[in-house]
Amino acid sequence: MGRESINSSGWPDSRQLQHIVIEIAEAEVLSRYRHPDVSRKLDGTLVTDADLAVQASLTEQLAEAWPDIPLMGEEMTQEEQEALADSDCYWCVDPLDGTTNYSSGLPYFALSLALVVKGEAVLGIVYDPVRHECFRAERGRGAWLNDETLKLHEGPGTLKECIAIVDLKRLQPDLVNRLAKESPYRSQRCFGAIALEWCWLAAGRAHLNLHGGQKLWDYAAGRLIFAEAGGVYCSAPASPEARLGLQVEPALGAIDKHLFQLWQAWLKESAFPG
């Protein structure tokens, strides 16, 4: 690793990472948008030629700049992912967060990259190539959107004034029914790209979040960005301090501590495990 590639914490420079991510997304994702080659993986989920091209390009460029850091990607086999999960340091990438949106022509998707060190995300980059918005965070140092500082302000005083990002399909039916019949918030959205949803929360575009099952590459970068902007989250049954791993985690979050406590209390009444 070259000295110019390392910040004072000993981690790769997030601004250099930002440049790499933007360059790859512009070249590999936008160039295929509206006409991607789409296939299905063994588990039935979609994969496009953009997913594969981004992961290949990231693997090559990151290995060239930081050869000692391995990469874990969504498009690797489970065996390959498991072999890396206990490493002290690795890249975690979702080459195309929101593949279903992308393959359907819906303009809500992103490239997500995190650096995981000793079980916690220390750097995160999420780039939305449609809106040319690059979200970036360094643990303990803050979060940025296109190099402007992201800092959440105090939200509404009640849940009834809030907009929530909720993925209903991964929640228990009883909770879904209660959310439909007795929704505690003003309005609900689901955009279909988890990393980018965390970033929109970090930018104050919604107030609450609820998801029934996120994978490591879904949340590693976006959740760090949200936390560094001042958001509060809990992954159930783990805590924010738990070591990141391949287990699928339910998660809830809010843009400030007061709203988080209200949201968590309401969900506990509905037997959500957070």
Protein backbone atom coordinates (compact mmCIF):
# COMPACT_ATOMS: atom_id res chain seq x y z
CA MET A 1 0.00 0.00 0.00
CA GLY A 2 1.37 3.40 -0.93
CA ARG A 3 1.64 6.08 1.74
CA GLU A 4 -0.67 8.35 -0.28
CA SER A 5 -3.42 5.71 -0.01
CA ILE A 6 -3.53 5.66 3.81
CA ASN A 7 -5.15 8.17 6.18
CA SER A 8 -3.94 9.03 9.68
CA SER A 9 -5.98 6.17 11.18
CA GLY A 10 -4.08 3.66 9.08
CA TRP A 11 -7.08 2.97 6.84
CA PRO A 12 -7.28 3.51 3.08
CA ASP A 13 -8.16 7.08 2.14
CA SER A 14 -11.95 7.33 1.74
CA ARG A 15 -11.60 10.15 -0.80
CA GLN A 16 -9.49 7.92 -3.02
CA LEU A 17 -12.08 5.16 -2.57
CA GLN A 18 -14.80 7.60 -3.54
CA HIS A 19 -13.01 8.36 -6.79
CA ILE A 20 -12.64 4.64 -7.60
CA VAL A 21 -16.29 3.87 -6.83
CA ILE A 22 -17.64 6.77 -8.90
CA GLU A 23 -15.44 5.91 -11.86
CA ILE A 24 -16.52 2.25 -11.87
CA ALA A 25 -20.22 3.03 -11.38
CA GLU A 26 -20.23 5.51 -14.24
CA ALA A 27 -18.43 3.09 -16.55
CA GLU A 28 -20.13 -0.20 -15.67
CA VAL A 29 -23.57 0.65 -14.23
CA LEU A 30 -24.86 3.64 -16.16
CA SER A 31 -23.54 2.31 -19.46
CA ARG A 32 -25.82 -0.75 -19.13
CA TYR A 33 -28.84 0.97 -17.60
CA ARG A 34 -32.12 0.42 -19.50
CA HIS A 35 -30.68 -2.57 -21.38
CA PRO A 36 -28.91 -4.91 -18.91
CA ASP A 37 -28.40 -8.64 -19.41
CA VAL A 38 -30.41 -10.27 -16.61
CA SER A 39 -30.22 -13.83 -15.28
CA ARG A 40 -31.08 -15.67 -12.07
CA LYS A 41 -28.73 -17.09 -9.47
CA LEU A 42 -29.24 -20.50 -7.89
CA ASP A 43 -31.25 -18.93 -5.06
CA GLY A 44 -33.65 -17.35 -7.57
CA THR A 45 -32.50 -13.75 -7.10
CA LEU A 46 -31.63 -11.57 -10.08
CA VAL A 47 -28.13 -10.77 -11.24
CA THR A 48 -27.16 -8.51 -14.14
CA ASP A 49 -24.05 -8.07 -16.21
CA ALA A 50 -23.57 -4.78 -14.35
CA ASP A 51 -23.36 -6.61 -10.98
CA LEU A 52 -20.64 -8.88 -12.32
CA ALA A 53 -18.73 -6.14 -14.15
CA VAL A 54 -18.67 -3.86 -11.09
CA GLN A 55 -17.47 -6.63 -8.78
CA ALA A 56 -14.73 -7.61 -11.23
CA SER A 57 -13.56 -4.01 -11.68
CA LEU A 58 -13.59 -3.31 -7.94
CA THR A 59 -11.69 -6.51 -7.22
CA GLU A 60 -9.00 -5.54 -9.73
CA GLN A 61 -8.62 -1.88 -8.73
CA LEU A 62 -8.75 -2.42 -4.97
CA ALA A 63 -6.23 -5.25 -5.19
CA GLU A 64 -3.91 -3.00 -7.18
CA ALA A 65 -4.13 -0.17 -4.63
CA TRP A 66 -4.33 -2.25 -1.42
CA PRO A 67 -3.12 -5.78 -2.22
CA ASP A 68 -3.24 -6.99 1.39
CA ILE A 69 -7.00 -6.49 1.77
CA PRO A 70 -9.27 -9.25 0.37
CA LEU A 71 -12.72 -8.53 -1.04
CA MET A 72 -16.03 -10.12 -0.09
CA GLY A 73 -18.70 -9.54 -2.71
CA GLU A 74 -22.37 -10.38 -2.95
CA GLU A 75 -21.74 -12.22 -6.20
CA MET A 76 -19.24 -14.64 -4.63
CA THR A 77 -20.26 -18.13 -3.57
CA GLN A 78 -21.36 -18.69 0.02
CA GLU A 79 -18.25 -20.77 0.62
CA GLU A 80 -16.02 -17.90 -0.56
CA GLN A 81 -17.91 -15.44 1.64
CA GLU A 82 -17.66 -17.68 4.70
CA ALA A 83 -13.92 -18.08 4.18
CA LEU A 84 -13.51 -14.29 4.44
CA ALA A 85 -16.07 -13.51 7.16
CA ASP A 86 -13.65 -14.03 10.06
CA SER A 87 -10.80 -12.07 8.48
CA ASP A 88 -9.43 -9.16 10.50
CA CYS A 89 -9.79 -6.85 7.51
CA TYR A 90 -11.72 -7.10 4.24
CA TRP A 91 -13.72 -5.11 1.73
CA CYS A 92 -17.46 -5.78 1.66
CA VAL A 93 -19.18 -4.85 -1.59
CA ASP A 94 -22.66 -4.88 -3.02
CA PRO A 95 -21.84 -4.14 -6.65
CA LEU A 96 -25.43 -3.14 -7.42
CA ASP A 97 -27.69 -2.40 -4.48
CA GLY A 98 -31.20 -2.51 -5.96
CA THR A 99 -30.70 -5.01 -8.78
CA THR A 100 -34.45 -5.51 -9.25
CA ASN A 101 -34.96 -1.75 -9.60
CA TYR A 102 -32.05 -1.52 -12.04
CA SER A 103 -33.23 -4.39 -14.21
CA SER A 104 -36.75 -2.90 -14.32
CA GLY A 105 -35.64 0.60 -15.25
CA LEU A 106 -36.47 2.09 -11.84
CA PRO A 107 -33.90 4.81 -11.07
CA TYR A 108 -33.08 3.83 -7.49
CA PHE A 109 -29.89 1.80 -7.10
CA ALA A 110 -26.32 2.26 -5.94
CA LEU A 111 -22.86 0.77 -5.59
CA SER A 112 -21.98 0.06 -1.94
CA LEU A 113 -18.48 -0.52 -0.52
CA ALA A 114 -17.34 -0.87 3.09
CA LEU A 115 -14.05 -1.66 4.78
CA VAL A 116 -14.59 -4.04 7.71
CA VAL A 117 -11.81 -4.15 10.34
CA LYS A 118 -12.00 -6.52 13.33
CA GLY A 119 -15.71 -7.00 12.84
CA GLU A 120 -16.81 -3.39 12.39
CA ALA A 121 -17.25 -1.14 9.37
CA VAL A 122 -14.69 1.68 9.48
CA LEU A 123 -15.17 3.17 6.00
CA GLY A 124 -18.26 3.31 3.82
CA ILE A 125 -19.03 4.56 0.32
CA VAL A 126 -22.47 4.43 -1.33
CA TYR A 127 -22.78 6.00 -4.78
CA ASP A 128 -26.06 6.72 -6.57
CA PRO A 129 -25.03 7.21 -10.22
CA VAL A 130 -28.45 8.44 -11.36
CA ARG A 131 -28.40 11.45 -9.02
CA HIS A 132 -24.60 11.68 -8.87
CA GLU A 133 -24.76 11.52 -5.08
CA CYS A 134 -21.83 9.96 -3.27
CA PHE A 135 -22.31 9.23 0.43
CA ARG A 136 -19.14 8.61 2.43
CA ALA A 137 -18.26 7.95 6.07
CA GLU A 138 -15.25 7.25 8.28
CA ARG A 139 -15.88 5.74 11.70
CA GLY A 140 -15.47 8.40 14.38
CA ARG A 141 -14.86 11.17 11.84
CA GLY A 142 -18.24 11.86 10.28
CA ALA A 143 -20.25 11.43 7.10
CA TRP A 144 -20.42 13.40 3.87
CA LEU A 145 -22.60 13.77 0.79
CA ASN A 146 -20.55 14.91 -2.20
CA ASP A 147 -17.96 16.19 0.32
CA GLU A 148 -20.53 18.28 2.23
CA THR A 149 -20.87 17.25 5.88
CA LEU A 150 -23.96 15.19 6.74
CA LYS A 151 -25.36 15.96 10.18
CA LEU A 152 -28.87 15.00 11.18
CA HIS A 153 -30.99 17.48 13.10
CA GLU A 154 -33.65 16.74 15.68
CA GLY A 155 -36.71 15.18 14.06
CA PRO A 156 -40.43 15.57 14.69
CA GLY A 157 -41.61 15.14 18.25
CA THR A 158 -44.00 12.27 17.55
CA LEU A 159 -44.11 9.18 15.34
CA LYS A 160 -47.30 10.49 13.71
CA GLU A 161 -45.27 13.25 12.08
CA CYS A 162 -42.70 10.85 10.61
CA ILE A 163 -42.04 9.28 7.23
CA ALA A 164 -40.88 5.68 7.62
CA ILE A 165 -38.93 3.46 5.23
CA VAL A 166 -40.38 0.00 5.83
CA ASP A 167 -39.77 -3.24 3.91
CA LEU A 168 -43.02 -5.10 4.60
CA LYS A 169 -42.28 -8.35 2.77
CA ARG A 170 -39.62 -9.49 5.26
CA LEU A 171 -41.67 -8.80 8.40
CA GLN A 172 -43.89 -11.16 10.36
CA PRO A 173 -47.52 -11.16 9.10
CA ASP A 174 -48.94 -10.01 12.44
CA LEU A 175 -46.65 -6.98 12.46
CA VAL A 176 -47.48 -6.19 8.82
CA ASN A 177 -51.18 -6.30 9.66
CA ARG A 178 -50.73 -3.95 12.59
CA LEU A 179 -48.63 -1.54 10.55
CA ALA A 180 -51.38 -1.50 7.92
CA LYS A 181 -54.27 -1.04 10.34
CA GLU A 182 -52.67 1.05 13.10
CA SER A 183 -49.65 2.65 11.46
CA PRO A 184 -47.92 4.90 14.00
CA TYR A 185 -46.29 7.15 11.38
CA ARG A 186 -47.59 9.70 8.88
CA SER A 187 -46.53 7.80 5.76
CA GLN A 188 -44.46 4.79 4.67
CA ARG A 189 -42.14 4.12 1.72
CA CYS A 190 -40.03 1.21 0.45
CA PHE A 191 -37.49 1.97 -2.26
CA GLY A 192 -35.86 -1.42 -2.79
CA ALA A 193 -32.18 -0.60 -2.23
CA ILE A 194 -31.16 -1.02 1.40
CA ALA A 195 -27.77 0.72 1.40
CA LEU A 196 -29.22 3.75 -0.36
CA GLU A 197 -32.19 3.83 2.01
CA TRP A 198 -29.80 4.13 4.98
CA CYS A 199 -28.12 7.02 3.17
CA TRP A 200 -31.40 8.80 2.50
CA LEU A 201 -32.12 8.53 6.21
CA ALA A 202 -28.67 10.00 6.87
CA ALA A 203 -29.61 12.92 4.61
CA GLY A 204 -32.84 13.50 6.57
CA ARG A 205 -35.17 12.46 3.74
CA ALA A 206 -37.11 10.16 6.07
CA HIS A 207 -37.22 9.69 9.84
CA LEU A 208 -37.66 5.98 10.63
CA ASN A 209 -36.48 2.67 9.22
CA LEU A 210 -37.61 -0.94 9.62
CA HIS A 211 -36.38 -4.01 7.78
CA GLY A 212 -36.96 -7.67 8.53
CA GLY A 213 -33.69 -9.07 7.21
CA GLN A 214 -30.56 -7.38 5.85
CA LYS A 215 -27.39 -9.08 4.67
CA LEU A 216 -23.92 -7.79 5.45
CA TRP A 217 -23.31 -6.18 2.05
CA ASP A 218 -26.77 -4.56 2.24
CA TYR A 219 -26.00 -2.53 5.34
CA ALA A 220 -22.25 -2.40 6.09
CA ALA A 221 -21.59 0.91 4.31
CA GLY A 222 -25.01 2.55 4.52
CA ARG A 223 -25.53 1.92 8.20
CA LEU A 224 -22.11 3.38 9.03
CA ILE A 225 -22.97 6.50 7.04
CA PHE A 226 -26.29 6.78 8.90
CA ALA A 227 -24.63 6.38 12.30
CA GLU A 228 -21.86 8.88 11.54
CA ALA A 229 -24.51 11.41 10.47
CA GLY A 230 -26.06 11.05 13.94
CA GLY A 231 -28.70 8.38 13.39
CA VAL A 232 -29.57 5.71 15.95
CA TYR A 233 -30.12 2.06 15.03
CA CYS A 234 -30.40 -1.41 16.51
CA SER A 235 -29.96 -4.74 14.78
CA ALA A 236 -31.99 -7.52 16.35
CA PRO A 237 -31.08 -9.54 18.29
CA ALA A 238 -27.55 -8.12 18.05
CA SER A 239 -26.47 -4.69 19.26
CA PRO A 240 -24.71 -1.96 17.26
CA GLU A 241 -21.45 -3.12 18.85
CA ALA A 242 -21.79 -6.74 17.69
CA ARG A 243 -19.23 -8.08 15.23
CA LEU A 244 -20.45 -7.90 11.64
CA GLY A 245 -21.09 -11.28 10.07
CA LEU A 246 -23.01 -13.19 7.42
CA GLN A 247 -26.13 -13.68 9.52
CA VAL A 248 -29.28 -11.98 8.22
CA GLU A 249 -30.32 -9.23 10.65
CA PRO A 250 -33.60 -7.40 11.23
CA ALA A 251 -32.95 -3.71 11.82
CA LEU A 252 -34.68 -0.55 12.96
CA GLY A 253 -33.46 3.01 13.07
CA ALA A 254 -34.44 6.63 13.61
CA ILE A 255 -32.80 9.97 12.97
CA ASP A 256 -32.57 10.90 16.66
CA LYS A 257 -32.59 9.17 20.05
CA HIS A 258 -36.07 10.35 21.06
CA LEU A 259 -37.71 9.03 17.90
CA PHE A 260 -35.73 5.81 18.17
CA GLN A 261 -37.06 5.19 21.67
CA LEU A 262 -40.65 5.86 20.55
CA TRP A 263 -40.25 3.63 17.49
CA GLN A 264 -38.58 0.82 19.42
CA ALA A 265 -41.27 0.91 22.12
CA TRP A 266 -44.07 0.71 19.56
CA LEU A 267 -42.40 -2.22 17.81
CA LYS A 268 -41.78 -4.10 21.05
CA GLU A 269 -45.53 -4.01 21.68
CA SER A 270 -45.83 -5.82 18.34
CA ALA A 271 -43.22 -8.45 19.30
CA PHE A 272 -40.56 -7.21 16.88
CA PRO A 273 -37.24 -8.60 18.19
CA GLY A 274 -35.45 -5.23 18.35
